[in-house]
Structure formats: structure tokens, C-alpha cells
Amino acid sequence: MAKAKSYRSPFPERIPAMLATIVKEPFTDPDWLFEIKWDGCRIVAEVRNGKAALYSQEGQEYTGKYRLIVNELEGQPDMVVDGVIVVLDENGIPDISALQHYNGRGDLVYYIFDLLYYDGENYIERPLIQRKEMLLHVIKKESILTYSDHFDDGKALFNQIRLLGMEGVIAKKKESIYQPGKRSKDWLHIKISKRHKNKKAENIIPDIYNDVIKEIERVREKKLRNDR
């Protein structure tokens, strides 16, 4: 009997972010999952021996800038996660201008979409869908650290994102491994262009629309509770 592959590993050297290839048109495929492209700062976060550090996709350290996120991460088990930090407006939509001018005030959220290392195990070579399943158990939705959910219908999600005036959709192969620092065709960025904005809405699916709204409303409700 073949020996099962072990994923036990010492804490990794800094992991550069995997990058997506830009494509023009949305699609739906059962071998792919689809995520909201949050308009913010891409951050790979490390927690090692209870201390957290944040790094941009260019390798710049942002630990001092986003102390609220760091405070939430510290004390957690050793981990490396990938996601996007955003500042939310009053409607729960990411506001890139507010993020660019962030000075410690504002409704900060870290949308986490990938788990690269956790508690002594390296997840990079595991399929994406397995990484996200594990991430769902690691990151609780009701937190500044927020699990970024995914959808099955890429075209419908794209239409809803366009109607909400957001940036776009990220398509990812469910079985893809994490490729540090590489711009891969296993991840695709479908941007909302002027042509898409002017195009008549089609294939509007209420269930998908409601799911997107719920994803945004969930974070907004958390924000309102914290403001009380």
C-alpha cells in the first residue's frame, strides 16, 4: 500500500502571493469556483509563535499600518493566509479611496480566501477546494477576519457584481495548487470594463443575487454591531 503523503512541515519562508491572469469574459464551469474581487490591498498574513505580520503582493510589510488586523491575528495558531484588506462604506461596499487614506480610523475588514499553512501543516500543494474547506473552520465569518465565500455560477455572479458597481470576479480551478509568486492561468481575473457596464443585464438569477447581497450585508451588520 502506498504511503499517504505527509503535509507536516516547519514554518515556511515568506510566501509571495499567487497572481491571476486577466481575461475579458465571464464563464461558468463545474471545475471552477468563483469569488468576488474585493477592491482593496492584497495581503499575505503570517502568524508565527503568536506574532502576526502582514505583507503585500509586492513584498512590502504592512504590519504597522493595519494594527487592527494584526491584533485579531495575534495569539492564533501558526498560520499563513491570503486575502484582501478593505475599508467598507456605509453600505458595506469596499471603498478603495478610504483604504488609500486609512489612518487607523474606518471599518476595516480582512477578507481571507486561501489557507497556505496551518498549525504545522503546509497546504500549498493541496487542491484549492480542500484549502477553502479547511479555511472555513479556521476563520469565523463574524469577525474582522472574514472568510471570503465562493460561488458556482460565474456568469450570474459577474452580472450581480456589475450591478452593484464592484470591481470584478476571480475564477479559480477547484483542483489548483497554490503557486507562490506566479501569474497562473489556474486563477483568472474577470474585470468589469466600461463595455460590461454599458451592456444590458442578462441571466439575472435571484438566488445568486441574494447570496452576494447576504455576503455584503453580513459584514455590514457586524460593522453596525461593533459601532454600537
Protein backbone atom coordinates (compact mmCIF):
# COMPACT_ATOMS: atom_id res chain seq x y z
CA MET A 1 0.00 0.00 0.00
CA ALA A 2 1.34 3.41 -0.97
CA LYS A 3 2.23 5.62 1.95
CA ALA A 4 -0.07 8.62 2.34
CA LYS A 5 1.63 11.91 1.54
CA SER A 6 2.56 13.90 4.63
CA TYR A 7 1.96 17.63 4.69
CA ARG A 8 3.76 18.20 8.00
CA SER A 9 6.25 21.00 7.59
CA PRO A 10 8.24 23.60 9.53
CA PHE A 11 7.02 27.18 9.24
CA PRO A 12 7.70 28.29 5.66
CA GLU A 13 9.84 31.11 4.38
CA ARG A 14 7.81 34.10 3.28
CA ILE A 15 5.28 33.04 0.62
CA PRO A 16 4.75 35.51 -2.25
CA ALA A 17 1.16 35.88 -3.45
CA MET A 18 -0.13 33.81 -6.36
CA LEU A 19 -1.42 36.08 -9.14
CA ALA A 20 -4.35 35.79 -11.55
CA THR A 21 -4.32 36.18 -15.34
CA ILE A 22 -6.69 38.85 -16.68
CA VAL A 23 -9.37 37.65 -19.12
CA LYS A 24 -12.21 39.55 -20.77
CA GLU A 25 -15.35 37.45 -20.45
CA PRO A 26 -17.12 35.68 -17.56
CA PHE A 27 -17.90 31.97 -17.74
CA THR A 28 -19.36 29.11 -15.74
CA ASP A 29 -17.66 25.72 -15.45
CA PRO A 30 -18.19 22.91 -12.88
CA ASP A 31 -14.41 22.55 -12.47
CA TRP A 32 -14.07 26.16 -11.35
CA LEU A 33 -15.26 28.25 -8.39
CA PHE A 34 -15.86 32.00 -8.46
CA GLU A 35 -15.11 34.66 -5.84
CA ILE A 36 -15.93 38.35 -5.50
CA LYS A 37 -12.92 40.51 -6.41
CA TRP A 38 -12.71 42.74 -3.36
CA ASP A 39 -11.34 46.21 -4.14
CA GLY A 40 -8.56 46.61 -1.59
CA CYS A 41 -4.99 45.73 -0.61
CA ARG A 42 -3.86 42.16 -1.29
CA ILE A 43 -2.18 40.83 1.86
CA VAL A 44 -0.48 37.56 2.81
CA ALA A 45 -0.62 37.32 6.61
CA GLU A 46 1.68 35.23 8.78
CA VAL A 47 1.15 34.21 12.40
CA ARG A 48 4.25 32.66 13.96
CA ASN A 49 4.63 31.93 17.66
CA GLY A 50 1.60 34.13 18.30
CA LYS A 51 3.01 37.18 16.48
CA ALA A 52 1.46 38.41 13.21
CA ALA A 53 2.99 40.12 10.18
CA LEU A 54 1.34 41.43 7.01
CA TYR A 55 2.93 41.57 3.54
CA SER A 56 1.62 43.00 0.27
CA GLN A 57 1.86 41.10 -3.01
CA GLU A 58 4.90 43.28 -3.79
CA GLY A 59 6.56 42.11 -0.56
CA GLN A 60 6.13 45.35 1.40
CA GLU A 61 5.42 44.98 5.12
CA TYR A 62 2.11 46.47 6.32
CA THR A 63 2.14 45.21 9.90
CA GLY A 64 2.26 48.70 11.37
CA LYS A 65 -0.37 50.15 9.07
CA TYR A 66 -3.18 47.69 9.82
CA ARG A 67 -2.79 47.11 13.56
CA LEU A 68 -6.48 46.24 13.93
CA ILE A 69 -5.98 43.21 11.67
CA VAL A 70 -2.72 42.28 13.39
CA ASN A 71 -4.38 42.36 16.81
CA GLU A 72 -7.08 39.95 15.60
CA LEU A 73 -4.48 37.54 14.18
CA GLU A 74 -2.09 37.50 17.12
CA GLY A 75 -2.49 34.62 19.52
CA GLN A 76 -3.85 32.32 16.80
CA PRO A 77 -2.06 29.06 15.87
CA ASP A 78 0.81 29.31 13.43
CA MET A 79 -0.66 30.04 10.00
CA VAL A 80 -0.21 31.75 6.64
CA VAL A 81 -3.33 33.04 4.88
CA ASP A 82 -4.02 35.05 1.73
CA GLY A 83 -6.69 37.69 1.30
CA VAL A 84 -7.61 41.33 0.76
CA ILE A 85 -7.90 44.15 3.31
CA VAL A 86 -10.71 46.62 2.58
CA VAL A 87 -12.38 49.62 4.16
CA LEU A 88 -16.17 49.45 3.91
CA ASP A 89 -18.51 52.33 3.15
CA GLU A 90 -21.88 52.81 4.87
CA ASN A 91 -23.44 50.22 2.54
CA GLY A 92 -20.85 47.54 3.23
CA ILE A 93 -19.14 48.02 -0.16
CA PRO A 94 -15.32 48.32 -0.29
CA ASP A 95 -14.15 51.92 -0.67
CA ILE A 96 -10.67 51.97 -2.25
CA SER A 97 -10.26 55.71 -1.68
CA ALA A 98 -10.95 55.31 2.04
CA LEU A 99 -8.40 52.48 2.17
CA GLN A 100 -5.75 54.60 0.46
CA HIS A 101 -6.28 57.31 3.08
CA TYR A 102 -6.63 54.91 6.01
CA ASN A 103 -5.12 56.37 9.19
CA GLY A 104 -6.37 53.96 11.81
CA ARG A 105 -10.00 55.01 11.53
CA GLY A 106 -12.57 53.28 9.37
CA ASP A 107 -14.37 49.98 9.02
CA LEU A 108 -11.50 47.63 8.25
CA VAL A 109 -12.10 44.01 7.16
CA TYR A 110 -9.65 41.33 6.05
CA TYR A 111 -11.42 39.05 3.54
CA ILE A 112 -9.44 35.79 3.63
CA PHE A 113 -9.79 33.42 0.69
CA ASP A 114 -6.91 30.94 0.99
CA LEU A 115 -5.05 28.91 3.62
CA LEU A 116 -1.39 28.20 2.87
CA TYR A 117 -0.09 26.87 6.19
CA TYR A 118 -1.77 25.96 9.46
CA ASP A 119 -0.53 24.51 12.75
CA GLY A 120 2.42 22.58 11.34
CA GLU A 121 0.87 21.57 8.01
CA ASN A 122 1.69 23.02 4.60
CA TYR A 123 -1.41 23.39 2.43
CA ILE A 124 0.16 24.84 -0.71
CA GLU A 125 0.12 21.56 -2.66
CA ARG A 126 -3.40 20.60 -1.64
CA PRO A 127 -6.28 21.34 -4.04
CA LEU A 128 -7.88 24.76 -3.63
CA ILE A 129 -11.26 23.32 -2.69
CA GLN A 130 -9.66 21.44 0.22
CA ARG A 131 -7.79 24.55 1.34
CA LYS A 132 -11.03 26.55 1.39
CA GLU A 133 -12.86 23.83 3.32
CA MET A 134 -10.16 23.91 5.99
CA LEU A 135 -10.10 27.72 5.97
CA LEU A 136 -13.82 27.79 6.74
CA HIS A 137 -13.07 26.03 10.03
CA VAL A 138 -10.13 28.31 10.82
CA ILE A 139 -11.68 31.73 10.06
CA LYS A 140 -15.04 32.59 11.55
CA LYS A 141 -17.41 34.71 9.46
CA GLU A 142 -18.41 37.02 12.32
CA SER A 143 -15.06 38.74 12.69
CA ILE A 144 -12.86 41.47 11.26
CA LEU A 145 -11.11 38.42 9.84
CA THR A 146 -13.75 37.23 7.40
CA TYR A 147 -13.90 34.07 5.30
CA SER A 148 -14.43 35.07 1.65
CA ASP A 149 -17.04 32.69 0.26
CA HIS A 150 -17.23 31.37 -3.31
CA PHE A 151 -19.99 30.73 -5.87
CA ASP A 152 -20.61 28.10 -8.56
CA ASP A 153 -22.18 30.24 -11.30
CA GLY A 154 -19.53 32.60 -12.67
CA LYS A 155 -21.72 34.38 -15.23
CA ALA A 156 -24.51 35.08 -12.75
CA LEU A 157 -22.05 36.28 -10.11
CA PHE A 158 -20.41 38.58 -12.66
CA ASN A 159 -23.77 40.14 -13.54
CA GLN A 160 -24.60 40.80 -9.89
CA ILE A 161 -21.18 42.29 -9.18
CA ARG A 162 -21.60 44.57 -12.19
CA LEU A 163 -24.99 45.77 -10.98
CA LEU A 164 -23.50 46.54 -7.56
CA GLY A 165 -20.71 48.61 -9.14
CA MET A 166 -17.92 46.41 -7.79
CA GLU A 167 -14.59 45.52 -9.39
CA GLY A 168 -14.98 42.04 -10.84
CA VAL A 169 -14.76 38.29 -10.28
CA ILE A 170 -11.88 35.89 -9.66
CA ALA A 171 -12.28 32.42 -11.21
CA LYS A 172 -10.20 29.59 -9.77
CA LYS A 173 -9.77 25.94 -10.70
CA LYS A 174 -11.07 23.86 -7.81
CA GLU A 175 -8.16 21.41 -8.03
CA SER A 176 -5.43 24.05 -8.42
CA ILE A 177 -2.44 24.12 -6.09
CA TYR A 178 -1.09 27.42 -4.77
CA GLN A 179 1.75 28.69 -6.98
CA PRO A 180 3.70 31.30 -4.97
CA GLY A 181 4.68 34.40 -6.92
CA LYS A 182 3.39 33.03 -10.21
CA ARG A 183 0.78 34.59 -12.50
CA SER A 184 -1.19 31.48 -13.35
CA LYS A 185 -4.00 30.59 -15.73
CA ASP A 186 -5.48 28.48 -12.93
CA TRP A 187 -6.69 31.79 -11.47
CA LEU A 188 -8.43 34.29 -13.76
CA HIS A 189 -9.39 37.90 -13.08
CA ILE A 190 -12.52 38.98 -14.97
CA LYS A 191 -12.67 42.75 -14.64
CA ILE A 192 -15.75 44.91 -15.02
CA SER A 193 -14.97 47.06 -18.07
CA LYS A 194 -16.83 50.06 -19.48
CA ARG A 195 -18.20 47.72 -22.14
CA HIS A 196 -19.61 45.43 -19.44
CA LYS A 197 -21.08 48.39 -17.53
CA ASN A 198 -22.94 49.56 -20.63
CA LYS A 199 -24.18 46.08 -21.54
CA LYS A 200 -27.79 45.21 -20.72
CA ALA A 201 -28.08 42.91 -17.72
CA GLU A 202 -28.80 39.29 -18.59
CA ASN A 203 -29.07 35.92 -16.86
CA ILE A 204 -30.04 37.56 -13.59
CA ILE A 205 -30.52 34.76 -11.07
CA PRO A 206 -32.24 35.92 -7.85
CA ASP A 207 -30.59 33.23 -5.68
CA ILE A 208 -27.11 34.34 -6.74
CA TYR A 209 -28.03 37.99 -6.28
CA ASN A 210 -29.34 37.26 -2.80
CA ASP A 211 -26.17 35.34 -1.90
CA VAL A 212 -23.98 38.28 -2.95
CA ILE A 213 -26.16 40.73 -1.02
CA LYS A 214 -26.03 38.45 2.03
CA GLU A 215 -22.24 38.32 1.84
CA ILE A 216 -22.11 42.13 1.90
CA GLU A 217 -24.93 42.54 4.42
CA ARG A 218 -23.30 40.07 6.80
CA VAL A 219 -20.20 42.23 7.11
CA ARG A 220 -22.23 45.45 7.30
CA GLU A 221 -24.34 44.05 10.16
CA LYS A 222 -21.17 43.08 12.02
CA LYS A 223 -19.84 46.60 11.47
CA LEU A 224 -23.04 48.15 12.85
CA ARG A 225 -22.91 45.92 15.94
CA ASN A 226 -19.32 46.96 16.59
CA ASP A 227 -20.29 50.64 16.25
CA ARG A 228 -22.90 50.40 18.99
